[in-house]
């Protein structure tokens, strides 16, 4: 049994290699220079239609960033500044279906000294 499977595998490998080699040779002959045409032969102008747009291949990632800043004055006069940054990355496939969604939230809190007021 293993002998037959091995023989089949080798035959399949040889056939696929021959097809690959033949496929590589065909495009090179398609670009070969045509035979020389007589000088008196008219040349026809040919206009080709634009190729049809294929469906996009691969995934598309969009990034949305939202930043929110809140200032709060504490009892002792200092100012507490809280900044919240939310980054949402959404990856969709070519059908528009969400493949991956990542939400990252970063909160930064800073306390600034009380603003100095000038008394006149």
N, C-alpha and C. Protein backbone atom coordinates (compact mmCIF):
# COMPACT_ATOMS: atom_id res chain seq x y z
N UNK A 1 0.82 -1.19 0.00
CA UNK A 1 0.00 0.00 0.00
C UNK A 1 0.86 1.26 0.00
N UNK A 2 1.86 1.30 0.85
CA UNK A 2 2.68 2.50 0.90
C UNK A 2 3.47 2.66 -0.41
N UNK A 3 3.74 1.55 -1.08
CA UNK A 3 4.48 1.60 -2.34
C UNK A 3 3.64 2.32 -3.40
N UNK A 4 2.34 1.98 -3.45
CA UNK A 4 1.45 2.61 -4.42
C UNK A 4 1.30 4.10 -4.11
N UNK A 5 1.12 4.42 -2.84
CA UNK A 5 0.94 5.82 -2.46
C UNK A 5 2.20 6.62 -2.79
N UNK A 6 3.36 6.04 -2.57
CA UNK A 6 4.61 6.72 -2.88
C UNK A 6 4.75 6.94 -4.38
N UNK A 7 4.38 5.93 -5.16
CA UNK A 7 4.45 6.05 -6.62
C UNK A 7 3.50 7.13 -7.11
N UNK A 8 2.31 7.16 -6.56
CA UNK A 8 1.34 8.18 -6.95
C UNK A 8 1.84 9.58 -6.57
N UNK A 9 2.41 9.68 -5.41
CA UNK A 9 2.94 10.98 -4.98
C UNK A 9 4.05 11.47 -5.92
N UNK A 10 4.95 10.57 -6.28
CA UNK A 10 6.03 10.95 -7.19
C UNK A 10 5.49 11.32 -8.57
N UNK A 11 4.49 10.57 -9.04
CA UNK A 11 3.90 10.88 -10.35
C UNK A 11 3.22 12.24 -10.30
N UNK A 12 2.51 12.51 -9.23
CA UNK A 12 1.82 13.79 -9.09
C UNK A 12 2.83 14.94 -9.00
N UNK A 13 3.91 14.71 -8.30
CA UNK A 13 4.96 15.72 -8.21
C UNK A 13 5.57 16.00 -9.57
N UNK A 14 5.81 14.96 -10.36
CA UNK A 14 6.38 15.14 -11.70
C UNK A 14 5.42 15.87 -12.62
N UNK A 15 4.14 15.52 -12.57
CA UNK A 15 3.15 16.18 -13.42
C UNK A 15 3.01 17.65 -13.04
N UNK A 16 2.94 17.94 -11.75
CA UNK A 16 2.78 19.33 -11.33
C UNK A 16 4.03 20.15 -11.68
N UNK A 17 5.19 19.55 -11.60
CA UNK A 17 6.42 20.25 -12.00
C UNK A 17 6.43 20.55 -13.49
N UNK A 18 5.96 19.58 -14.29
CA UNK A 18 5.91 19.80 -15.74
C UNK A 18 4.91 20.90 -16.08
N UNK A 19 3.77 20.92 -15.40
CA UNK A 19 2.77 21.97 -15.64
C UNK A 19 3.32 23.34 -15.25
N UNK A 20 4.03 23.40 -14.14
CA UNK A 20 4.59 24.67 -13.69
C UNK A 20 5.64 25.17 -14.68
N UNK A 21 6.47 24.27 -15.18
CA UNK A 21 7.50 24.66 -16.15
C UNK A 21 6.85 25.11 -17.45
N UNK A 22 5.83 24.41 -17.90
CA UNK A 22 5.12 24.80 -19.12
C UNK A 22 4.41 26.12 -18.95
N UNK A 23 3.82 26.35 -17.78
CA UNK A 23 3.14 27.62 -17.52
C UNK A 23 4.11 28.78 -17.47
N UNK A 24 5.34 28.54 -17.05
CA UNK A 24 6.34 29.61 -17.02
C UNK A 24 6.83 29.93 -18.42
N UNK A 25 6.82 28.96 -19.32
CA UNK A 25 7.29 29.20 -20.68
C UNK A 25 6.25 29.91 -21.53
N UNK A 26 4.98 29.66 -21.30
CA UNK A 26 3.93 30.25 -22.12
C UNK A 26 3.93 31.78 -22.09
N UNK A 27 3.97 32.45 -20.94
CA UNK A 27 3.94 33.91 -20.96
C UNK A 27 5.15 34.52 -21.66
N UNK A 28 6.29 33.87 -21.61
CA UNK A 28 7.46 34.44 -22.28
C UNK A 28 7.30 34.41 -23.78
N UNK A 29 6.61 33.39 -24.32
CA UNK A 29 6.40 33.34 -25.76
C UNK A 29 5.31 34.33 -26.18
N UNK A 30 4.44 34.73 -25.27
CA UNK A 30 3.39 35.68 -25.61
C UNK A 30 3.96 37.06 -25.86
N UNK A 31 5.11 37.38 -25.29
CA UNK A 31 5.72 38.68 -25.47
C UNK A 31 6.80 38.68 -26.55
N UNK A 32 6.90 37.60 -27.29
CA UNK A 32 7.91 37.54 -28.33
C UNK A 32 7.58 38.54 -29.43
N UNK A 33 8.60 39.03 -30.09
CA UNK A 33 8.39 40.02 -31.15
C UNK A 33 7.68 39.38 -32.33
N UNK A 34 6.68 40.06 -32.89
CA UNK A 34 5.98 39.49 -34.04
C UNK A 34 6.87 39.52 -35.28
N UNK A 35 6.49 38.73 -36.26
CA UNK A 35 7.25 38.70 -37.51
C UNK A 35 7.19 40.08 -38.15
N UNK A 36 8.22 40.43 -38.90
CA UNK A 36 8.28 41.74 -39.54
C UNK A 36 7.16 41.88 -40.55
N UNK A 37 6.40 42.98 -40.47
CA UNK A 37 5.30 43.23 -41.38
C UNK A 37 5.80 44.06 -42.55
N UNK A 38 5.17 43.92 -43.72
CA UNK A 38 5.57 44.76 -44.85
C UNK A 38 5.31 46.22 -44.52
N UNK A 39 6.09 47.12 -45.07
CA UNK A 39 6.00 48.54 -44.78
C UNK A 39 4.69 49.14 -45.25
N UNK A 40 4.06 48.59 -46.26
CA UNK A 40 2.84 49.17 -46.83
C UNK A 40 1.59 48.72 -46.07
N UNK A 41 1.72 47.81 -45.13
CA UNK A 41 0.54 47.30 -44.42
C UNK A 41 0.00 48.37 -43.49
N UNK A 42 -1.33 48.63 -43.54
CA UNK A 42 -1.91 49.63 -42.66
C UNK A 42 -1.93 49.14 -41.22
N UNK A 43 -1.77 50.05 -40.28
CA UNK A 43 -1.79 49.71 -38.87
C UNK A 43 -3.13 50.15 -38.30
N UNK A 44 -3.84 49.24 -37.71
CA UNK A 44 -5.15 49.56 -37.15
C UNK A 44 -4.98 49.98 -35.70
N UNK A 45 -5.70 51.05 -35.33
CA UNK A 45 -5.66 51.50 -33.94
C UNK A 45 -6.68 50.70 -33.15
N UNK A 46 -6.27 50.17 -32.05
CA UNK A 46 -7.15 49.36 -31.21
C UNK A 46 -7.22 50.01 -29.84
N UNK A 47 -8.44 50.21 -29.37
CA UNK A 47 -8.63 50.77 -28.04
C UNK A 47 -9.15 49.67 -27.14
N UNK A 48 -8.49 49.48 -26.02
CA UNK A 48 -8.92 48.44 -25.11
C UNK A 48 -9.81 49.03 -24.04
N UNK A 49 -10.77 48.25 -23.60
CA UNK A 49 -11.66 48.68 -22.53
C UNK A 49 -10.91 48.56 -21.21
N UNK A 50 -11.19 49.48 -20.28
CA UNK A 50 -10.51 49.37 -18.98
C UNK A 50 -10.92 48.08 -18.27
N UNK A 51 -9.97 47.53 -17.57
CA UNK A 51 -10.24 46.29 -16.85
C UNK A 51 -11.26 46.54 -15.75
N UNK A 52 -12.09 45.55 -15.53
CA UNK A 52 -13.12 45.68 -14.51
C UNK A 52 -12.48 45.58 -13.13
N UNK A 53 -12.92 46.44 -12.23
CA UNK A 53 -12.36 46.43 -10.89
C UNK A 53 -12.73 45.13 -10.18
N UNK A 54 -11.74 44.46 -9.68
CA UNK A 54 -11.98 43.24 -8.93
C UNK A 54 -12.34 43.60 -7.49
N UNK A 55 -12.87 42.65 -6.79
CA UNK A 55 -13.17 42.88 -5.38
C UNK A 55 -11.87 43.10 -4.63
N UNK A 56 -11.89 44.00 -3.64
CA UNK A 56 -10.66 44.22 -2.90
C UNK A 56 -10.23 42.94 -2.17
N UNK A 57 -8.95 42.72 -2.17
CA UNK A 57 -8.41 41.52 -1.52
C UNK A 57 -7.71 41.96 -0.25
N UNK A 58 -7.92 41.23 0.80
CA UNK A 58 -7.25 41.53 2.05
C UNK A 58 -8.17 42.28 3.01
N UNK A 59 -7.63 42.62 4.14
CA UNK A 59 -8.39 43.28 5.18
C UNK A 59 -8.13 44.78 5.17
N UNK A 60 -9.10 45.53 5.72
CA UNK A 60 -8.98 46.98 5.81
C UNK A 60 -9.11 47.35 7.28
N UNK A 61 -8.14 48.13 7.78
CA UNK A 61 -8.13 48.53 9.18
C UNK A 61 -8.40 50.02 9.30
N UNK A 62 -9.33 50.37 10.19
CA UNK A 62 -9.60 51.77 10.47
C UNK A 62 -9.29 52.04 11.93
N UNK A 63 -8.83 53.27 12.20
CA UNK A 63 -8.46 53.66 13.56
C UNK A 63 -9.27 54.89 13.93
N UNK A 64 -9.92 54.84 15.09
CA UNK A 64 -10.70 55.98 15.59
C UNK A 64 -10.14 56.36 16.96
N UNK A 65 -9.82 57.65 17.14
CA UNK A 65 -9.24 58.13 18.40
C UNK A 65 -10.18 59.16 19.01
N UNK A 66 -10.55 58.95 20.27
CA UNK A 66 -11.38 59.90 21.00
C UNK A 66 -10.63 60.32 22.25
N UNK A 67 -10.58 61.64 22.48
CA UNK A 67 -9.90 62.17 23.65
C UNK A 67 -10.87 63.03 24.44
N UNK A 68 -10.91 62.80 25.77
CA UNK A 68 -11.80 63.56 26.64
C UNK A 68 -10.96 64.09 27.81
N UNK A 69 -11.07 65.40 28.07
CA UNK A 69 -10.32 66.03 29.14
C UNK A 69 -11.29 66.66 30.13
N UNK A 70 -11.10 66.36 31.41
CA UNK A 70 -11.95 66.91 32.47
C UNK A 70 -11.04 67.58 33.50
N UNK A 71 -11.37 68.84 33.83
CA UNK A 71 -10.63 69.57 34.86
C UNK A 71 -11.53 69.72 36.08
N UNK A 72 -10.93 69.47 37.25
CA UNK A 72 -11.68 69.56 38.50
C UNK A 72 -10.82 70.31 39.51
N UNK A 73 -11.40 71.35 40.14
CA UNK A 73 -10.67 72.13 41.14
C UNK A 73 -10.87 71.46 42.50
N UNK A 74 -9.75 71.12 43.14
CA UNK A 74 -9.81 70.47 44.44
C UNK A 74 -10.03 71.52 45.54
N UNK A 75 -10.32 71.07 46.77
CA UNK A 75 -10.60 71.98 47.90
C UNK A 75 -9.43 72.90 48.23
N UNK A 76 -8.22 72.35 48.04
CA UNK A 76 -7.05 73.16 48.39
C UNK A 76 -6.62 74.09 47.24
N UNK A 77 -7.37 74.13 46.15
CA UNK A 77 -7.09 75.06 45.07
C UNK A 77 -6.31 74.44 43.90
N UNK A 78 -5.78 73.24 44.09
CA UNK A 78 -5.07 72.58 43.00
C UNK A 78 -6.08 72.14 41.93
N UNK A 79 -5.58 71.93 40.72
CA UNK A 79 -6.44 71.53 39.61
C UNK A 79 -6.08 70.11 39.19
N UNK A 80 -7.09 69.24 39.19
CA UNK A 80 -6.90 67.85 38.78
C UNK A 80 -7.39 67.73 37.33
N UNK A 81 -6.49 67.34 36.44
CA UNK A 81 -6.82 67.20 35.02
C UNK A 81 -6.78 65.71 34.68
N UNK A 82 -7.93 65.17 34.24
CA UNK A 82 -8.04 63.77 33.87
C UNK A 82 -8.25 63.71 32.35
N UNK A 83 -7.35 63.03 31.66
CA UNK A 83 -7.45 62.86 30.22
C UNK A 83 -7.67 61.39 29.91
N UNK A 84 -8.74 61.11 29.17
CA UNK A 84 -9.06 59.74 28.77
C UNK A 84 -8.93 59.65 27.25
N UNK A 85 -8.06 58.76 26.80
CA UNK A 85 -7.84 58.57 25.36
C UNK A 85 -8.27 57.15 25.00
N UNK A 86 -9.23 57.05 24.06
CA UNK A 86 -9.74 55.76 23.63
C UNK A 86 -9.39 55.56 22.16
N UNK A 87 -8.66 54.49 21.87
CA UNK A 87 -8.27 54.16 20.49
C UNK A 87 -8.99 52.88 20.11
N UNK A 88 -9.79 52.94 19.03
CA UNK A 88 -10.53 51.78 18.55
C UNK A 88 -9.99 51.42 17.18
N UNK A 89 -9.45 50.20 17.05
CA UNK A 89 -8.97 49.68 15.77
C UNK A 89 -9.93 48.60 15.31
N UNK A 90 -10.48 48.77 14.12
CA UNK A 90 -11.43 47.82 13.57
C UNK A 90 -10.87 47.28 12.26
N UNK A 91 -10.79 45.96 12.14
CA UNK A 91 -10.32 45.32 10.93
C UNK A 91 -11.49 44.58 10.30
N UNK A 92 -11.75 44.91 9.02
CA UNK A 92 -12.85 44.27 8.29
C UNK A 92 -12.28 43.53 7.09
N UNK A 93 -12.93 42.40 6.73
CA UNK A 93 -12.51 41.68 5.53
C UNK A 93 -13.15 42.32 4.30
N UNK A 94 -12.91 41.76 3.13
CA UNK A 94 -13.40 42.37 1.89
C UNK A 94 -14.91 42.30 1.74
N UNK A 95 -15.59 41.53 2.60
CA UNK A 95 -17.05 41.49 2.58
C UNK A 95 -17.65 42.53 3.53
N UNK A 96 -16.81 43.21 4.31
CA UNK A 96 -17.30 44.20 5.26
C UNK A 96 -17.57 43.64 6.64
N UNK A 97 -17.26 42.39 6.86
CA UNK A 97 -17.49 41.76 8.16
C UNK A 97 -16.31 42.06 9.08
N UNK A 98 -16.62 42.40 10.34
CA UNK A 98 -15.58 42.73 11.32
C UNK A 98 -14.84 41.45 11.69
N UNK A 99 -13.53 41.47 11.46
CA UNK A 99 -12.69 40.33 11.76
C UNK A 99 -12.06 40.49 13.14
N UNK A 100 -11.64 41.73 13.46
CA UNK A 100 -10.96 41.98 14.72
C UNK A 100 -11.27 43.41 15.16
N UNK A 101 -11.52 43.57 16.45
CA UNK A 101 -11.76 44.90 16.99
C UNK A 101 -11.00 45.02 18.31
N UNK A 102 -10.18 46.07 18.40
CA UNK A 102 -9.37 46.30 19.59
C UNK A 102 -9.68 47.69 20.14
N UNK A 103 -10.00 47.75 21.43
CA UNK A 103 -10.26 49.04 22.07
C UNK A 103 -9.24 49.20 23.19
N UNK A 104 -8.47 50.29 23.12
CA UNK A 104 -7.46 50.58 24.13
C UNK A 104 -7.80 51.91 24.79
N UNK A 105 -7.93 51.89 26.11
CA UNK A 105 -8.26 53.11 26.85
C UNK A 105 -7.10 53.45 27.76
N UNK A 106 -6.65 54.72 27.68
CA UNK A 106 -5.56 55.21 28.51
C UNK A 106 -6.07 56.40 29.31
N UNK A 107 -5.93 56.32 30.64
CA UNK A 107 -6.36 57.41 31.52
C UNK A 107 -5.12 58.03 32.15
N UNK A 108 -5.01 59.35 31.99
CA UNK A 108 -3.88 60.08 32.57
C UNK A 108 -4.43 61.12 33.55
N UNK A 109 -3.92 61.08 34.78
CA UNK A 109 -4.35 62.03 35.81
C UNK A 109 -3.15 62.87 36.21
N UNK A 110 -3.34 64.19 36.13
CA UNK A 110 -2.28 65.12 36.54
C UNK A 110 -2.88 66.14 37.49
N UNK A 111 -2.13 66.47 38.51
CA UNK A 111 -2.58 67.48 39.46
C UNK A 111 -1.63 68.67 39.35
N UNK A 112 -2.20 69.80 38.96
CA UNK A 112 -1.42 71.02 38.80
C UNK A 112 -1.55 71.87 40.06
N UNK A 113 -0.53 72.64 40.39
CA UNK A 113 -0.60 73.48 41.57
C UNK A 113 -1.69 74.55 41.40
N UNK A 114 -2.11 75.08 42.52
CA UNK A 114 -3.16 76.10 42.50
C UNK A 114 -2.66 77.33 41.75
N UNK A 115 -3.50 77.89 40.89
CA UNK A 115 -3.06 79.08 40.16
C UNK A 115 -2.87 80.24 41.15
N UNK A 116 -1.83 80.98 40.88
CA UNK A 116 -1.53 82.12 41.77
C UNK A 116 -2.38 83.30 41.33
N UNK A 117 -3.01 83.92 42.32
CA UNK A 117 -3.82 85.11 42.01
C UNK A 117 -3.06 86.32 42.51
N UNK A 118 -3.17 87.37 41.76
CA UNK A 118 -2.48 88.61 42.15
C UNK A 118 -3.47 89.49 42.90
N UNK A 119 -3.13 89.84 44.11
CA UNK A 119 -3.98 90.74 44.89
C UNK A 119 -3.47 92.17 44.70
N UNK A 120 -4.36 93.04 44.34
CA UNK A 120 -3.93 94.42 44.13
C UNK A 120 -4.34 95.29 45.25
